[in-house]
Amino acid sequence: MFEGKNFIDILNMGGWTLFVLLGASILSITVICFKSVEFWTKSKVTRSQFVHRLVEKIKKDRFEDVVDFCDTVDSPLAPVAKAGIIAFKENEGNIGESMEREIMIQTVKLEQFTTILGTLGSVAVYIGLFGTVLGIIRAFHDISKMGSGGISVVIGGVSEALIATAAGLFVAIPAVIAYNFFTKLIDKFIVNMEYCSSAVEDTLKGKTGKWL
């Protein structure tokens, strides 16, 4: 079916929906690569390593070092811990609430662009099916205009129309897999941030709030 046809010819066989799905595929791959690099970078520092070093500095009242340490760590744990230390420095009433607010901010940042994958995973299949329906309609319309045709002509038209469905699945499957994978990673980050918040709050108990 594809003999002697280049990439553009194949796209034209599937109709305009294939060009839409091509753009969706490029967008999906871009988001997957971007979020993969982001999460890989933020996962370099493990929760146990970060919390251990953080708690040791807090116990020694080295609060300036804690803030500097948090500024050097590319992890959602760092802003959460820093928010707690700053709240402690300024003698705010509830340190835990400050860190909870920061957890919400970091969660929104982690979820940025992931909804694109979820949307593409849900919509791409329907776009492909829509393209297939249009292709079948076009095939039968061409047959009716020609006034002739057999089963081979019908099958040829349908097979070309099904390219759109295949393309929709090609876009949707990786997008759904990536979306579910990133969602699990985000949930793990949230658990780690809540653990870090609890550890910082417990360690700061009994401190006077004086910066040395």
N, C-alpha and C. Protein backbone atom coordinates (compact mmCIF):
# COMPACT_ATOMS: atom_id res chain seq x y z
N MET A 1 0.82 -1.22 0.00
CA MET A 1 0.00 0.00 0.00
C MET A 1 0.86 1.27 0.00
N PHE A 2 2.06 1.16 0.61
CA PHE A 2 2.92 2.34 0.72
C PHE A 2 4.05 2.33 -0.31
N GLU A 3 4.01 1.37 -1.24
CA GLU A 3 5.10 1.27 -2.20
C GLU A 3 5.20 2.54 -3.04
N GLY A 4 6.42 3.07 -3.14
CA GLY A 4 6.66 4.23 -3.98
C GLY A 4 6.12 5.53 -3.42
N LYS A 5 5.71 5.54 -2.15
CA LYS A 5 5.15 6.75 -1.54
C LYS A 5 6.11 7.29 -0.49
N ASN A 6 6.24 8.61 -0.47
CA ASN A 6 7.06 9.23 0.57
C ASN A 6 6.20 9.58 1.77
N PHE A 7 6.82 10.21 2.77
CA PHE A 7 6.12 10.49 4.02
C PHE A 7 4.93 11.42 3.81
N ILE A 8 5.10 12.44 2.98
CA ILE A 8 4.02 13.39 2.71
C ILE A 8 2.86 12.70 2.01
N ASP A 9 3.17 11.79 1.09
CA ASP A 9 2.11 11.07 0.39
C ASP A 9 1.28 10.24 1.36
N ILE A 10 1.96 9.62 2.33
CA ILE A 10 1.24 8.81 3.32
C ILE A 10 0.35 9.70 4.18
N LEU A 11 0.86 10.88 4.55
CA LEU A 11 0.04 11.82 5.32
C LEU A 11 -1.19 12.25 4.53
N ASN A 12 -1.01 12.48 3.24
CA ASN A 12 -2.14 12.89 2.41
C ASN A 12 -3.17 11.77 2.28
N MET A 13 -2.70 10.53 2.34
CA MET A 13 -3.63 9.40 2.26
C MET A 13 -4.57 9.39 3.47
N GLY A 14 -4.06 9.79 4.62
CA GLY A 14 -4.88 9.79 5.82
C GLY A 14 -5.70 11.04 6.01
N GLY A 15 -5.48 12.02 5.18
CA GLY A 15 -6.26 13.25 5.30
C GLY A 15 -5.64 14.23 6.28
N TRP A 16 -6.35 15.34 6.50
CA TRP A 16 -5.82 16.42 7.35
C TRP A 16 -5.64 15.98 8.80
N THR A 17 -6.38 14.96 9.22
CA THR A 17 -6.25 14.51 10.62
C THR A 17 -4.85 13.97 10.90
N LEU A 18 -4.20 13.41 9.88
CA LEU A 18 -2.84 12.90 10.10
C LEU A 18 -1.86 14.04 10.37
N PHE A 19 -2.07 15.18 9.75
CA PHE A 19 -1.21 16.33 10.03
C PHE A 19 -1.44 16.83 11.46
N VAL A 20 -2.70 16.78 11.91
CA VAL A 20 -3.00 17.14 13.30
C VAL A 20 -2.31 16.17 14.26
N LEU A 21 -2.40 14.89 13.95
CA LEU A 21 -1.78 13.87 14.81
C LEU A 21 -0.25 13.96 14.77
N LEU A 22 0.29 14.36 13.64
CA LEU A 22 1.74 14.56 13.56
C LEU A 22 2.17 15.67 14.51
N GLY A 23 1.43 16.78 14.50
CA GLY A 23 1.74 17.86 15.44
C GLY A 23 1.57 17.42 16.88
N ALA A 24 0.52 16.62 17.14
CA ALA A 24 0.29 16.12 18.50
C ALA A 24 1.42 15.20 18.92
N SER A 25 1.92 14.40 18.00
CA SER A 25 3.03 13.50 18.31
C SER A 25 4.30 14.27 18.67
N ILE A 26 4.58 15.31 17.89
CA ILE A 26 5.76 16.14 18.17
C ILE A 26 5.63 16.81 19.54
N LEU A 27 4.44 17.34 19.83
CA LEU A 27 4.20 17.97 21.13
C LEU A 27 4.35 16.97 22.26
N SER A 28 3.80 15.77 22.07
CA SER A 28 3.88 14.74 23.10
C SER A 28 5.32 14.34 23.38
N ILE A 29 6.09 14.12 22.33
CA ILE A 29 7.50 13.73 22.50
C ILE A 29 8.28 14.84 23.19
N THR A 30 7.99 16.09 22.83
CA THR A 30 8.68 17.22 23.45
C THR A 30 8.41 17.27 24.95
N VAL A 31 7.13 17.12 25.33
CA VAL A 31 6.76 17.16 26.75
C VAL A 31 7.38 15.98 27.50
N ILE A 32 7.36 14.80 26.89
CA ILE A 32 7.93 13.62 27.54
C ILE A 32 9.42 13.81 27.79
N CYS A 33 10.13 14.32 26.81
CA CYS A 33 11.58 14.54 26.97
C CYS A 33 11.85 15.60 28.04
N PHE A 34 11.09 16.69 27.99
CA PHE A 34 11.28 17.79 28.94
C PHE A 34 11.03 17.34 30.37
N LYS A 35 9.90 16.64 30.59
CA LYS A 35 9.56 16.21 31.95
C LYS A 35 10.49 15.09 32.42
N SER A 36 10.95 14.26 31.51
CA SER A 36 11.89 13.19 31.90
C SER A 36 13.19 13.79 32.42
N VAL A 37 13.72 14.78 31.71
CA VAL A 37 14.95 15.44 32.16
C VAL A 37 14.71 16.16 33.49
N GLU A 38 13.56 16.84 33.61
CA GLU A 38 13.25 17.57 34.84
C GLU A 38 13.17 16.64 36.04
N PHE A 39 12.43 15.54 35.91
CA PHE A 39 12.26 14.62 37.03
C PHE A 39 13.57 13.88 37.35
N TRP A 40 14.33 13.57 36.30
CA TRP A 40 15.62 12.91 36.54
C TRP A 40 16.55 13.83 37.32
N THR A 41 16.56 15.11 36.97
CA THR A 41 17.41 16.08 37.67
C THR A 41 16.97 16.23 39.13
N LYS A 42 15.67 16.33 39.35
CA LYS A 42 15.16 16.53 40.70
C LYS A 42 15.24 15.27 41.56
N SER A 43 15.49 14.13 40.94
CA SER A 43 15.58 12.88 41.70
C SER A 43 17.01 12.52 42.06
N LYS A 44 17.97 13.34 41.63
CA LYS A 44 19.38 13.02 41.93
C LYS A 44 19.65 12.99 43.42
N VAL A 45 19.04 13.92 44.15
CA VAL A 45 19.21 13.97 45.61
C VAL A 45 18.09 13.16 46.24
N THR A 46 18.45 12.10 46.95
CA THR A 46 17.43 11.25 47.56
C THR A 46 16.89 11.90 48.83
N ARG A 47 15.72 11.45 49.22
CA ARG A 47 15.07 12.01 50.42
C ARG A 47 15.92 11.78 51.66
N SER A 48 16.45 10.59 51.82
CA SER A 48 17.23 10.27 53.02
C SER A 48 18.49 11.13 53.11
N GLN A 49 19.17 11.31 51.98
CA GLN A 49 20.38 12.13 51.97
C GLN A 49 20.07 13.57 52.34
N PHE A 50 19.04 14.12 51.72
CA PHE A 50 18.71 15.52 51.94
C PHE A 50 18.26 15.76 53.38
N VAL A 51 17.33 14.95 53.86
CA VAL A 51 16.79 15.14 55.21
C VAL A 51 17.88 14.94 56.26
N HIS A 52 18.75 13.97 56.05
CA HIS A 52 19.82 13.72 57.03
C HIS A 52 20.73 14.94 57.16
N ARG A 53 21.20 15.47 56.05
CA ARG A 53 22.08 16.64 56.09
C ARG A 53 21.35 17.85 56.66
N LEU A 54 20.07 17.98 56.31
CA LEU A 54 19.27 19.11 56.78
C LEU A 54 19.11 19.07 58.29
N VAL A 55 18.74 17.93 58.81
CA VAL A 55 18.49 17.78 60.24
C VAL A 55 19.78 18.01 61.04
N GLU A 56 20.88 17.52 60.52
CA GLU A 56 22.16 17.72 61.21
C GLU A 56 22.49 19.21 61.35
N LYS A 57 22.25 19.96 60.29
CA LYS A 57 22.54 21.40 60.33
C LYS A 57 21.58 22.12 61.28
N ILE A 58 20.30 21.71 61.27
CA ILE A 58 19.33 22.35 62.15
C ILE A 58 19.66 22.07 63.62
N LYS A 59 20.06 20.86 63.92
CA LYS A 59 20.39 20.50 65.30
C LYS A 59 21.56 21.32 65.82
N LYS A 60 22.46 21.71 64.91
CA LYS A 60 23.62 22.51 65.30
C LYS A 60 23.33 24.01 65.22
N ASP A 61 22.04 24.36 64.99
CA ASP A 61 21.62 25.76 64.89
C ASP A 61 22.33 26.51 63.76
N ARG A 62 22.69 25.80 62.73
CA ARG A 62 23.37 26.43 61.58
C ARG A 62 22.31 26.78 60.52
N PHE A 63 21.46 27.71 60.89
CA PHE A 63 20.32 28.02 60.04
C PHE A 63 20.72 28.73 58.75
N GLU A 64 21.75 29.56 58.84
CA GLU A 64 22.24 30.21 57.62
C GLU A 64 22.73 29.16 56.63
N ASP A 65 23.43 28.15 57.14
CA ASP A 65 23.92 27.07 56.27
C ASP A 65 22.77 26.27 55.70
N VAL A 66 21.70 26.13 56.46
CA VAL A 66 20.52 25.39 55.97
C VAL A 66 19.92 26.08 54.75
N VAL A 67 19.75 27.40 54.85
CA VAL A 67 19.18 28.16 53.74
C VAL A 67 20.09 28.08 52.51
N ASP A 68 21.39 28.25 52.73
CA ASP A 68 22.35 28.16 51.61
C ASP A 68 22.32 26.76 51.00
N PHE A 69 22.23 25.76 51.84
CA PHE A 69 22.18 24.38 51.36
C PHE A 69 20.93 24.15 50.51
N CYS A 70 19.81 24.67 50.97
CA CYS A 70 18.56 24.51 50.21
C CYS A 70 18.62 25.21 48.86
N ASP A 71 19.32 26.35 48.82
CA ASP A 71 19.43 27.10 47.56
C ASP A 71 20.28 26.36 46.53
N THR A 72 21.13 25.45 46.97
CA THR A 72 22.03 24.74 46.05
C THR A 72 21.46 23.41 45.58
N VAL A 73 20.36 22.97 46.17
CA VAL A 73 19.79 21.66 45.85
C VAL A 73 18.62 21.83 44.89
N ASP A 74 18.70 21.18 43.73
CA ASP A 74 17.61 21.23 42.75
C ASP A 74 16.65 20.07 43.02
N SER A 75 15.79 20.29 43.97
CA SER A 75 14.81 19.29 44.37
C SER A 75 13.61 20.01 44.98
N PRO A 76 12.40 19.49 44.80
CA PRO A 76 11.24 20.13 45.43
C PRO A 76 11.29 20.08 46.95
N LEU A 77 12.15 19.24 47.50
CA LEU A 77 12.30 19.18 48.96
C LEU A 77 12.93 20.46 49.50
N ALA A 78 13.84 21.04 48.73
CA ALA A 78 14.59 22.20 49.21
C ALA A 78 13.70 23.42 49.48
N PRO A 79 12.82 23.82 48.57
CA PRO A 79 11.95 24.98 48.87
C PRO A 79 11.03 24.74 50.05
N VAL A 80 10.61 23.49 50.23
CA VAL A 80 9.74 23.17 51.36
C VAL A 80 10.48 23.37 52.68
N ALA A 81 11.68 22.81 52.75
CA ALA A 81 12.48 22.97 53.96
C ALA A 81 12.85 24.43 54.20
N LYS A 82 13.18 25.14 53.13
CA LYS A 82 13.55 26.55 53.25
C LYS A 82 12.38 27.38 53.77
N ALA A 83 11.17 27.06 53.31
CA ALA A 83 9.98 27.79 53.78
C ALA A 83 9.80 27.60 55.28
N GLY A 84 10.07 26.39 55.77
CA GLY A 84 9.96 26.14 57.21
C GLY A 84 11.01 26.89 58.01
N ILE A 85 12.23 26.93 57.51
CA ILE A 85 13.31 27.63 58.20
C ILE A 85 13.04 29.13 58.24
N ILE A 86 12.58 29.69 57.12
CA ILE A 86 12.29 31.12 57.08
C ILE A 86 11.15 31.46 58.02
N ALA A 87 10.13 30.61 58.06
CA ALA A 87 9.02 30.83 58.99
C ALA A 87 9.50 30.77 60.44
N PHE A 88 10.43 29.88 60.71
CA PHE A 88 11.00 29.76 62.05
C PHE A 88 11.82 31.00 62.39
N LYS A 89 12.55 31.51 61.42
CA LYS A 89 13.36 32.70 61.62
C LYS A 89 12.48 33.91 61.96
N GLU A 90 11.36 34.00 61.24
CA GLU A 90 10.48 35.16 61.43
C GLU A 90 9.47 34.95 62.54
N ASN A 91 9.62 33.85 63.28
CA ASN A 91 8.75 33.55 64.43
C ASN A 91 7.27 33.48 64.06
N GLU A 92 6.99 32.90 62.89
CA GLU A 92 5.60 32.73 62.49
C GLU A 92 4.93 31.68 63.36
N GLY A 93 3.62 31.77 63.47
CA GLY A 93 2.89 30.91 64.39
C GLY A 93 2.93 29.44 64.03
N ASN A 94 2.75 29.12 62.76
CA ASN A 94 2.68 27.72 62.36
C ASN A 94 3.66 27.45 61.22
N ILE A 95 4.76 26.82 61.56
CA ILE A 95 5.78 26.50 60.56
C ILE A 95 5.24 25.48 59.57
N GLY A 96 4.44 24.52 60.09
CA GLY A 96 3.90 23.48 59.23
C GLY A 96 3.04 24.03 58.11
N GLU A 97 2.25 25.07 58.39
CA GLU A 97 1.40 25.66 57.36
C GLU A 97 2.24 26.31 56.26
N SER A 98 3.33 26.92 56.63
CA SER A 98 4.22 27.53 55.63
C SER A 98 4.76 26.48 54.68
N MET A 99 5.15 25.35 55.25
CA MET A 99 5.68 24.28 54.40
C MET A 99 4.58 23.62 53.58
N GLU A 100 3.38 23.51 54.12
CA GLU A 100 2.27 22.95 53.36
C GLU A 100 1.95 23.81 52.15
N ARG A 101 1.99 25.13 52.34
CA ARG A 101 1.75 26.03 51.21
C ARG A 101 2.82 25.83 50.13
N GLU A 102 4.06 25.66 50.57
CA GLU A 102 5.14 25.46 49.61
C GLU A 102 4.99 24.11 48.90
N ILE A 103 4.50 23.11 49.60
CA ILE A 103 4.26 21.81 48.97
C ILE A 103 3.24 21.95 47.84
N MET A 104 2.19 22.73 48.07
CA MET A 104 1.19 22.94 47.03
C MET A 104 1.79 23.65 45.82
N ILE A 105 2.66 24.64 46.08
CA ILE A 105 3.31 25.38 44.99
C ILE A 105 4.20 24.45 44.18
N GLN A 106 4.99 23.63 44.86
CA GLN A 106 5.90 22.71 44.18
C GLN A 106 5.13 21.63 43.43
N THR A 107 3.99 21.20 43.96
CA THR A 107 3.18 20.20 43.28
C THR A 107 2.65 20.73 41.97
N VAL A 108 2.20 21.99 41.97
CA VAL A 108 1.72 22.62 40.73
C VAL A 108 2.84 22.69 39.70
N LYS A 109 4.04 23.02 40.14
CA LYS A 109 5.18 23.09 39.23
C LYS A 109 5.51 21.72 38.65
N LEU A 110 5.43 20.69 39.49
CA LEU A 110 5.72 19.34 39.02
C LEU A 110 4.68 18.87 38.01
N GLU A 111 3.43 19.28 38.20
CA GLU A 111 2.35 18.84 37.31
C GLU A 111 2.29 19.64 36.01
N GLN A 112 3.11 20.69 35.92
CA GLN A 112 3.08 21.54 34.73
C GLN A 112 3.35 20.73 33.46
N PHE A 113 2.51 20.88 32.47
CA PHE A 113 2.60 20.25 31.15
C PHE A 113 2.17 18.77 31.13
N THR A 114 2.04 18.13 32.30
CA THR A 114 1.64 16.72 32.29
C THR A 114 0.20 16.56 31.80
N THR A 115 -0.64 17.57 32.03
CA THR A 115 -2.02 17.48 31.55
C THR A 115 -2.08 17.43 30.02
N ILE A 116 -1.05 17.96 29.38
CA ILE A 116 -1.00 17.88 27.91
C ILE A 116 -0.95 16.42 27.48
N LEU A 117 -0.14 15.63 28.18
CA LEU A 117 -0.03 14.20 27.85
C LEU A 117 -1.35 13.48 28.10
N GLY A 118 -2.00 13.80 29.22
CA GLY A 118 -3.27 13.18 29.52
C GLY A 118 -4.33 13.51 28.47
N THR A 119 -4.32 14.77 28.05
CA THR A 119 -5.29 15.20 27.04
C THR A 119 -5.02 14.54 25.70
N LEU A 120 -3.76 14.51 25.28
CA LEU A 120 -3.41 13.88 24.01
C LEU A 120 -3.73 12.39 24.04
N GLY A 121 -3.46 11.75 25.19
CA GLY A 121 -3.76 10.33 25.30
C GLY A 121 -5.24 10.02 25.16
N SER A 122 -6.07 10.96 25.59
CA SER A 122 -7.52 10.75 25.51
C SER A 122 -8.09 11.14 24.15
N VAL A 123 -7.54 12.20 23.57
CA VAL A 123 -8.15 12.78 22.37
C VAL A 123 -7.59 12.19 21.07
N ALA A 124 -6.32 11.77 21.09
CA ALA A 124 -5.68 11.33 19.85
C ALA A 124 -6.41 10.17 19.19
N VAL A 125 -6.89 9.24 20.00
CA VAL A 125 -7.62 8.09 19.43
C VAL A 125 -8.88 8.55 18.71
N TYR A 126 -9.60 9.49 19.30
CA TYR A 126 -10.83 9.98 18.69
C TYR A 126 -10.55 10.77 17.43
N ILE A 127 -9.44 11.51 17.43
CA ILE A 127 -9.06 12.22 16.20
C ILE A 127 -8.77 11.22 15.10
N GLY A 128 -8.06 10.14 15.46
CA GLY A 128 -7.78 9.10 14.47
C GLY A 128 -9.04 8.44 13.95
N LEU A 129 -9.98 8.14 14.84
CA LEU A 129 -11.25 7.54 14.41
C LEU A 129 -12.03 8.50 13.52
N PHE A 130 -11.98 9.77 13.87
CA PHE A 130 -12.67 10.77 13.05
C PHE A 130 -12.07 10.80 11.66
N GLY A 131 -10.75 10.74 11.58
CA GLY A 131 -10.09 10.71 10.28
C GLY A 131 -10.45 9.46 9.49
N THR A 132 -10.59 8.33 10.19
CA THR A 132 -10.97 7.10 9.51
C THR A 132 -12.39 7.19 8.93
N VAL A 133 -13.31 7.75 9.72
CA VAL A 133 -14.69 7.92 9.25
C VAL A 133 -14.72 8.81 8.02
N LEU A 134 -13.97 9.92 8.08
CA LEU A 134 -13.93 10.81 6.92
C LEU A 134 -13.33 10.10 5.70
N GLY A 135 -12.30 9.29 5.95
CA GLY A 135 -11.68 8.56 4.84
C GLY A 135 -12.62 7.56 4.21
N ILE A 136 -13.40 6.85 5.03
CA ILE A 136 -14.37 5.89 4.50
C ILE A 136 -15.45 6.60 3.70
N ILE A 137 -15.93 7.72 4.25
CA ILE A 137 -16.94 8.50 3.53
C ILE A 137 -16.38 8.96 2.18
N ARG A 138 -15.14 9.43 2.19
CA ARG A 138 -14.52 9.89 0.94
C ARG A 138 -14.37 8.74 -0.05
N ALA A 139 -14.00 7.54 0.47
CA ALA A 139 -13.81 6.39 -0.42
C ALA A 139 -15.12 5.99 -1.09
N PHE A 140 -16.20 5.91 -0.31
CA PHE A 140 -17.49 5.55 -0.90
C PHE A 140 -18.01 6.64 -1.84
N HIS A 141 -17.70 7.88 -1.52
CA HIS A 141 -18.12 8.98 -2.39
C HIS A 141 -17.41 8.88 -3.73
N ASP A 142 -16.12 8.58 -3.70
CA ASP A 142 -15.37 8.44 -4.95
C ASP A 142 -15.89 7.27 -5.78
N ILE A 143 -16.24 6.18 -5.09
CA ILE A 143 -16.77 5.01 -5.80
C ILE A 143 -18.10 5.34 -6.46
N SER A 144 -18.96 6.09 -5.73
CA SER A 144 -20.26 6.44 -6.28
C SER A 144 -20.12 7.38 -7.48
N LYS A 145 -19.12 8.24 -7.47
CA LYS A 145 -18.92 9.15 -8.60
C LYS A 145 -18.40 8.39 -9.81
N MET A 146 -17.55 7.39 -9.58
CA MET A 146 -17.01 6.60 -10.68
C MET A 146 -18.06 5.67 -11.28
N GLY A 147 -19.04 5.30 -10.45
CA GLY A 147 -20.11 4.43 -10.94
C GLY A 147 -19.67 3.00 -11.08
N SER A 148 -18.48 2.66 -10.59
CA SER A 148 -18.01 1.28 -10.68
C SER A 148 -17.05 1.02 -9.53
N GLY A 149 -16.75 -0.20 -9.33
CA GLY A 149 -15.83 -0.58 -8.27
C GLY A 149 -16.25 -1.89 -7.66
N GLY A 150 -15.31 -2.60 -7.15
CA GLY A 150 -15.59 -3.87 -6.51
C GLY A 150 -15.09 -3.86 -5.08
N ILE A 151 -15.03 -5.07 -4.54
CA ILE A 151 -14.60 -5.20 -3.16
C ILE A 151 -13.16 -4.74 -2.97
N SER A 152 -12.33 -4.93 -3.98
CA SER A 152 -10.93 -4.51 -3.88
C SER A 152 -10.81 -3.00 -3.77
N VAL A 153 -11.67 -2.28 -4.48
CA VAL A 153 -11.65 -0.82 -4.42
C VAL A 153 -12.10 -0.35 -3.05
N VAL A 154 -13.15 -1.00 -2.52
CA VAL A 154 -13.66 -0.64 -1.20
C VAL A 154 -12.61 -0.91 -0.13
N ILE A 155 -12.00 -2.09 -0.20
CA ILE A 155 -10.98 -2.44 0.79
C ILE A 155 -9.79 -1.49 0.72
N GLY A 156 -9.40 -1.10 -0.49
CA GLY A 156 -8.29 -0.16 -0.63
C GLY A 156 -8.59 1.17 0.02
N GLY A 157 -9.82 1.66 -0.18
CA GLY A 157 -10.20 2.93 0.43
C GLY A 157 -10.27 2.85 1.94
N VAL A 158 -10.82 1.73 2.45
CA VAL A 158 -10.92 1.56 3.90
C VAL A 158 -9.54 1.42 4.52
N SER A 159 -8.65 0.69 3.87
CA SER A 159 -7.30 0.50 4.42
C SER A 159 -6.56 1.82 4.52
N GLU A 160 -6.75 2.68 3.52
CA GLU A 160 -6.13 4.00 3.59
C GLU A 160 -6.74 4.83 4.71
N ALA A 161 -8.05 4.70 4.91
CA ALA A 161 -8.72 5.46 5.97
C ALA A 161 -8.26 5.01 7.35
N LEU A 162 -7.95 3.71 7.49
CA LEU A 162 -7.55 3.18 8.79
C LEU A 162 -6.16 3.67 9.23
N ILE A 163 -5.43 4.30 8.30
CA ILE A 163 -4.13 4.88 8.67
C ILE A 163 -4.32 5.89 9.79
N ALA A 164 -5.40 6.65 9.73
CA ALA A 164 -5.65 7.67 10.75
C ALA A 164 -5.85 7.04 12.13
N THR A 165 -6.57 5.93 12.19
CA THR A 165 -6.77 5.25 13.46
C THR A 165 -5.45 4.74 14.02
N ALA A 166 -4.64 4.15 13.14
CA ALA A 166 -3.33 3.65 13.57
C ALA A 166 -2.45 4.80 14.09
N ALA A 167 -2.51 5.93 13.41
CA ALA A 167 -1.72 7.09 13.84
C ALA A 167 -2.22 7.60 15.19
N GLY A 168 -3.54 7.60 15.38
CA GLY A 168 -4.10 8.04 16.67
C GLY A 168 -3.62 7.16 17.80
N LEU A 169 -3.60 5.84 17.59
CA LEU A 169 -3.10 4.92 18.62
C LEU A 169 -1.61 5.13 18.85
N PHE A 170 -0.88 5.40 17.77
CA PHE A 170 0.56 5.63 17.88
C PHE A 170 0.87 6.84 18.76
N VAL A 171 0.01 7.85 18.70
CA VAL A 171 0.19 9.05 19.53
C VAL A 171 -0.32 8.81 20.94
N ALA A 172 -1.46 8.15 21.06
CA ALA A 172 -2.12 8.03 22.36
C ALA A 172 -1.39 7.10 23.32
N ILE A 173 -0.93 5.96 22.83
CA ILE A 173 -0.35 4.95 23.74
C ILE A 173 0.87 5.49 24.50
N PRO A 174 1.88 6.06 23.82
CA PRO A 174 3.02 6.60 24.58
C PRO A 174 2.61 7.74 25.51
N ALA A 175 1.65 8.56 25.08
CA ALA A 175 1.22 9.69 25.91
C ALA A 175 0.58 9.20 27.20
N VAL A 176 -0.27 8.17 27.11
CA VAL A 176 -0.92 7.63 28.30
C VAL A 176 0.09 6.97 29.23
N ILE A 177 1.01 6.20 28.66
CA ILE A 177 2.05 5.56 29.47
C ILE A 177 2.88 6.60 30.20
N ALA A 178 3.32 7.63 29.48
CA ALA A 178 4.13 8.68 30.09
C ALA A 178 3.35 9.44 31.15
N TYR A 179 2.08 9.72 30.88
CA TYR A 179 1.25 10.45 31.84
C TYR A 179 1.11 9.66 33.14
N ASN A 180 0.82 8.38 33.04
CA ASN A 180 0.68 7.55 34.25
C ASN A 180 2.00 7.44 35.00
N PHE A 181 3.10 7.33 34.25
CA PHE A 181 4.42 7.23 34.88
C PHE A 181 4.77 8.52 35.62
N PHE A 182 4.54 9.66 34.97
CA PHE A 182 4.83 10.95 35.60
C PHE A 182 3.92 11.20 36.80
N THR A 183 2.67 10.75 36.72
CA THR A 183 1.76 10.91 37.85
C THR A 183 2.26 10.16 39.07
N LYS A 184 2.77 8.95 38.85
CA LYS A 184 3.33 8.18 39.96
C LYS A 184 4.56 8.86 40.54
N LEU A 185 5.40 9.43 39.67
CA LEU A 185 6.58 10.14 40.15
C LEU A 185 6.19 11.36 40.98
N ILE A 186 5.18 12.08 40.53
CA ILE A 186 4.71 13.27 41.26
C ILE A 186 4.18 12.86 42.63
N ASP A 187 3.43 11.77 42.67
CA ASP A 187 2.94 11.27 43.96
C ASP A 187 4.09 10.94 44.90
N LYS A 188 5.16 10.38 44.34
CA LYS A 188 6.34 10.07 45.15
C LYS A 188 7.00 11.34 45.66
N PHE A 189 7.08 12.36 44.81
CA PHE A 189 7.65 13.64 45.23
C PHE A 189 6.81 14.26 46.36
N ILE A 190 5.49 14.15 46.24
CA ILE A 190 4.62 14.72 47.27
C ILE A 190 4.83 14.02 48.61
N VAL A 191 4.94 12.70 48.58
CA VAL A 191 5.20 11.95 49.82
C VAL A 191 6.53 12.37 50.42
N ASN A 192 7.55 12.53 49.58
CA ASN A 192 8.87 12.94 50.07
C ASN A 192 8.83 14.35 50.65
N MET A 193 8.08 15.25 50.01
CA MET A 193 7.97 16.62 50.53
C MET A 193 7.24 16.64 51.87
N GLU A 194 6.21 15.83 52.02
CA GLU A 194 5.48 15.77 53.28
C GLU A 194 6.36 15.16 54.37
N TYR A 195 7.16 14.17 54.02
CA TYR A 195 8.09 13.58 54.98
C TYR A 195 9.12 14.61 55.41
N CYS A 196 9.66 15.34 54.44
CA CYS A 196 10.65 16.37 54.75
C CYS A 196 10.04 17.45 55.65
N SER A 197 8.82 17.86 55.34
CA SER A 197 8.13 18.86 56.15
C SER A 197 7.97 18.39 57.58
N SER A 198 7.58 17.14 57.75
CA SER A 198 7.40 16.60 59.09
C SER A 198 8.72 16.53 59.85
N ALA A 199 9.79 16.12 59.14
CA ALA A 199 11.10 16.01 59.78
C ALA A 199 11.62 17.38 60.21
N VAL A 200 11.45 18.37 59.36
CA VAL A 200 11.91 19.73 59.70
C VAL A 200 11.12 20.29 60.88
N GLU A 201 9.81 20.10 60.85
CA GLU A 201 8.97 20.62 61.93
C GLU A 201 9.30 19.96 63.26
N ASP A 202 9.52 18.66 63.24
CA ASP A 202 9.86 17.95 64.48
C ASP A 202 11.22 18.39 65.01
N THR A 203 12.17 18.62 64.10
CA THR A 203 13.52 19.02 64.52
C THR A 203 13.53 20.43 65.09
N LEU A 204 12.68 21.29 64.54
CA LEU A 204 12.64 22.68 65.00
C LEU A 204 11.92 22.84 66.34
N LYS A 205 11.24 21.83 66.77
CA LYS A 205 10.55 21.92 68.06
C LYS A 205 11.57 22.10 69.18
N GLY A 206 11.30 23.03 70.03
CA GLY A 206 12.21 23.29 71.14
C GLY A 206 13.26 24.34 70.86
N LYS A 207 13.36 24.73 69.56
CA LYS A 207 14.31 25.79 69.22
C LYS A 207 13.75 27.15 69.63
N THR A 208 14.63 28.07 69.93
CA THR A 208 14.19 29.38 70.42
C THR A 208 13.83 30.35 69.31
N GLY A 209 14.29 30.03 68.09
CA GLY A 209 14.06 30.96 66.98
C GLY A 209 15.17 31.95 66.79
N LYS A 210 16.23 31.84 67.59
CA LYS A 210 17.34 32.78 67.48
C LYS A 210 18.32 32.30 66.43
N TRP A 211 18.66 33.20 65.56
CA TRP A 211 19.64 32.88 64.52
C TRP A 211 21.04 33.21 65.03
N LEU A 212 21.92 32.25 64.79
CA LEU A 212 23.30 32.47 65.25
C LEU A 212 24.17 32.83 64.05
